[in-house]
Amino acid sequence: MKLTLKFNAKKSCWFKVGWHFAENIGNLQLDHCEVAWSNKIKYLGIFVVSDKCFNLDFLWITHKFYAAANAIFSHTKYVHELPRLFI
């Protein structure tokens, strides 16, 4: 039985988690193409950060929330304060 599963090296990345995450590992190849190392990856809308233990980064979600709130407040600056808070 032969499997025909192929990985795309341009869309793939290496990621380290664990006690030795800071150690330098040489370049690794996948199907004769060099695969890049990454400090964080995005999976299902959440960033997983390379660290000693499994770590998640939600900071970008906070930035998006404040950007949306500031956009609403900037477009409703002449609306009374009470209805503006319920938008």
C-alpha atoms as a PDB file:
ATOM      1  CA  MET A   1       0.000   0.000   0.000  1.00  0.00           C
ATOM      2  CA  LYS A   2       1.483   3.332  -1.048  1.00  0.00           C
ATOM      3  CA  LEU A   3       0.343   6.572   0.562  1.00  0.00           C
ATOM      4  CA  THR A   4       0.192   9.617  -1.709  1.00  0.00           C
ATOM      5  CA  LEU A   5       0.118  12.214   1.056  1.00  0.00           C
ATOM      6  CA  LYS A   6       2.418  15.166   0.340  1.00  0.00           C
ATOM      7  CA  PHE A   7       3.164  18.167   2.517  1.00  0.00           C
ATOM      8  CA  ASN A   8       3.650  21.617   1.031  1.00  0.00           C
ATOM      9  CA  ALA A   9       6.942  22.949   2.432  1.00  0.00           C
ATOM     10  CA  LYS A  10       6.000  26.557   1.591  1.00  0.00           C
ATOM     11  CA  LYS A  11       2.819  26.354   3.693  1.00  0.00           C
ATOM     12  CA  SER A  12       4.402  24.371   6.534  1.00  0.00           C
ATOM     13  CA  CYS A  13       6.546  25.478   9.459  1.00  0.00           C
ATOM     14  CA  TRP A  14       8.478  23.937  12.328  1.00  0.00           C
ATOM     15  CA  PHE A  15       7.496  24.851  15.868  1.00  0.00           C
ATOM     16  CA  LYS A  16       9.191  24.040  19.191  1.00  0.00           C
ATOM     17  CA  VAL A  17       7.518  23.573  22.577  1.00  0.00           C
ATOM     18  CA  GLY A  18       9.210  22.130  25.644  1.00  0.00           C
ATOM     19  CA  TRP A  19      12.227  22.534  27.888  1.00  0.00           C
ATOM     20  CA  HIS A  20      14.675  22.810  24.988  1.00  0.00           C
ATOM     21  CA  PHE A  21      12.650  25.252  22.883  1.00  0.00           C
ATOM     22  CA  ALA A  22      15.442  27.869  22.914  1.00  0.00           C
ATOM     23  CA  GLU A  23      18.089  25.515  21.537  1.00  0.00           C
ATOM     24  CA  ASN A  24      19.144  26.157  17.984  1.00  0.00           C
ATOM     25  CA  ILE A  25      18.199  23.352  15.623  1.00  0.00           C
ATOM     26  CA  GLY A  26      19.548  23.419  12.101  1.00  0.00           C
ATOM     27  CA  ASN A  27      17.432  23.841   9.018  1.00  0.00           C
ATOM     28  CA  LEU A  28      15.167  20.902   8.325  1.00  0.00           C
ATOM     29  CA  GLN A  29      13.871  19.849   4.950  1.00  0.00           C
ATOM     30  CA  LEU A  30      10.616  18.417   3.737  1.00  0.00           C
ATOM     31  CA  ASP A  31      10.592  16.899   0.245  1.00  0.00           C
ATOM     32  CA  HIS A  32      13.951  18.562  -0.565  1.00  0.00           C
ATOM     33  CA  CYS A  33      12.633  22.021   0.371  1.00  0.00           C
ATOM     34  CA  GLU A  34      13.707  23.951   3.450  1.00  0.00           C
ATOM     35  CA  VAL A  35      10.910  24.537   5.977  1.00  0.00           C
ATOM     36  CA  ALA A  36      10.898  27.761   8.012  1.00  0.00           C
ATOM     37  CA  TRP A  37      10.973  27.919  11.831  1.00  0.00           C
ATOM     38  CA  SER A  38       8.239  29.885  13.571  1.00  0.00           C
ATOM     39  CA  ASN A  39       7.925  31.358  17.084  1.00  0.00           C
ATOM     40  CA  LYS A  40       4.144  31.250  16.974  1.00  0.00           C
ATOM     41  CA  ILE A  41       1.522  29.641  14.795  1.00  0.00           C
ATOM     42  CA  LYS A  42      -2.124  30.471  14.245  1.00  0.00           C
ATOM     43  CA  TYR A  43      -4.505  27.553  14.678  1.00  0.00           C
ATOM     44  CA  LEU A  44      -8.283  27.981  14.665  1.00  0.00           C
ATOM     45  CA  GLY A  45      -7.915  31.733  15.206  1.00  0.00           C
ATOM     46  CA  ILE A  46      -5.660  31.459  18.276  1.00  0.00           C
ATOM     47  CA  PHE A  47      -1.895  31.891  18.348  1.00  0.00           C
ATOM     48  CA  VAL A  48       0.177  29.118  19.949  1.00  0.00           C
ATOM     49  CA  VAL A  49       3.487  30.534  21.233  1.00  0.00           C
ATOM     50  CA  SER A  50       6.809  28.689  21.339  1.00  0.00           C
ATOM     51  CA  ASP A  51       7.784  28.438  25.022  1.00  0.00           C
ATOM     52  CA  LYS A  52       8.785  25.989  27.759  1.00  0.00           C
ATOM     53  CA  CYS A  53       5.165  24.922  28.135  1.00  0.00           C
ATOM     54  CA  PHE A  54       2.052  25.095  25.959  1.00  0.00           C
ATOM     55  CA  ASN A  55       1.184  28.799  25.732  1.00  0.00           C
ATOM     56  CA  LEU A  56      -1.596  30.710  23.935  1.00  0.00           C
ATOM     57  CA  ASP A  57      -1.641  34.363  22.859  1.00  0.00           C
ATOM     58  CA  PHE A  58      -5.005  36.164  22.904  1.00  0.00           C
ATOM     59  CA  LEU A  59      -3.581  39.685  22.596  1.00  0.00           C
ATOM     60  CA  TRP A  60      -4.575  40.103  18.934  1.00  0.00           C
ATOM     61  CA  ILE A  61      -8.224  39.432  19.858  1.00  0.00           C
ATOM     62  CA  THR A  62      -8.082  42.305  22.363  1.00  0.00           C
ATOM     63  CA  HIS A  63      -6.574  44.586  19.707  1.00  0.00           C
ATOM     64  CA  LYS A  64      -9.347  43.699  17.242  1.00  0.00           C
ATOM     65  CA  PHE A  65     -12.028  44.371  19.871  1.00  0.00           C
ATOM     66  CA  TYR A  66     -10.638  47.810  20.726  1.00  0.00           C
ATOM     67  CA  ALA A  67     -10.222  48.675  17.044  1.00  0.00           C
ATOM     68  CA  ALA A  68     -13.889  47.809  16.398  1.00  0.00           C
ATOM     69  CA  ALA A  69     -15.060  49.739  19.472  1.00  0.00           C
ATOM     70  CA  ASN A  70     -13.007  52.796  18.490  1.00  0.00           C
ATOM     71  CA  ALA A  71     -14.432  52.671  14.961  1.00  0.00           C
ATOM     72  CA  ILE A  72     -17.988  52.676  16.344  1.00  0.00           C
ATOM     73  CA  PHE A  73     -17.226  55.527  18.732  1.00  0.00           C
ATOM     74  CA  SER A  74     -15.550  57.622  16.025  1.00  0.00           C
ATOM     75  CA  HIS A  75     -18.557  57.267  13.676  1.00  0.00           C
ATOM     76  CA  THR A  76     -21.076  58.097  16.405  1.00  0.00           C
ATOM     77  CA  LYS A  77     -19.462  61.099  18.038  1.00  0.00           C
ATOM     78  CA  TYR A  78     -22.618  63.264  17.648  1.00  0.00           C
ATOM     79  CA  VAL A  79     -24.974  60.621  19.075  1.00  0.00           C
ATOM     80  CA  HIS A  80     -26.083  60.985  22.690  1.00  0.00           C
ATOM     81  CA  GLU A  81     -23.932  58.992  25.116  1.00  0.00           C
ATOM     82  CA  LEU A  82     -26.567  56.539  26.386  1.00  0.00           C
ATOM     83  CA  PRO A  83     -27.670  55.097  22.984  1.00  0.00           C
ATOM     84  CA  ARG A  84     -24.045  55.083  21.861  1.00  0.00           C
ATOM     85  CA  LEU A  85     -23.134  52.673  24.669  1.00  0.00           C
ATOM     86  CA  PHE A  86     -25.855  50.210  23.602  1.00  0.00           C
ATOM     87  CA  ILE A  87     -24.749  49.955  19.948  1.00  0.00           C
END
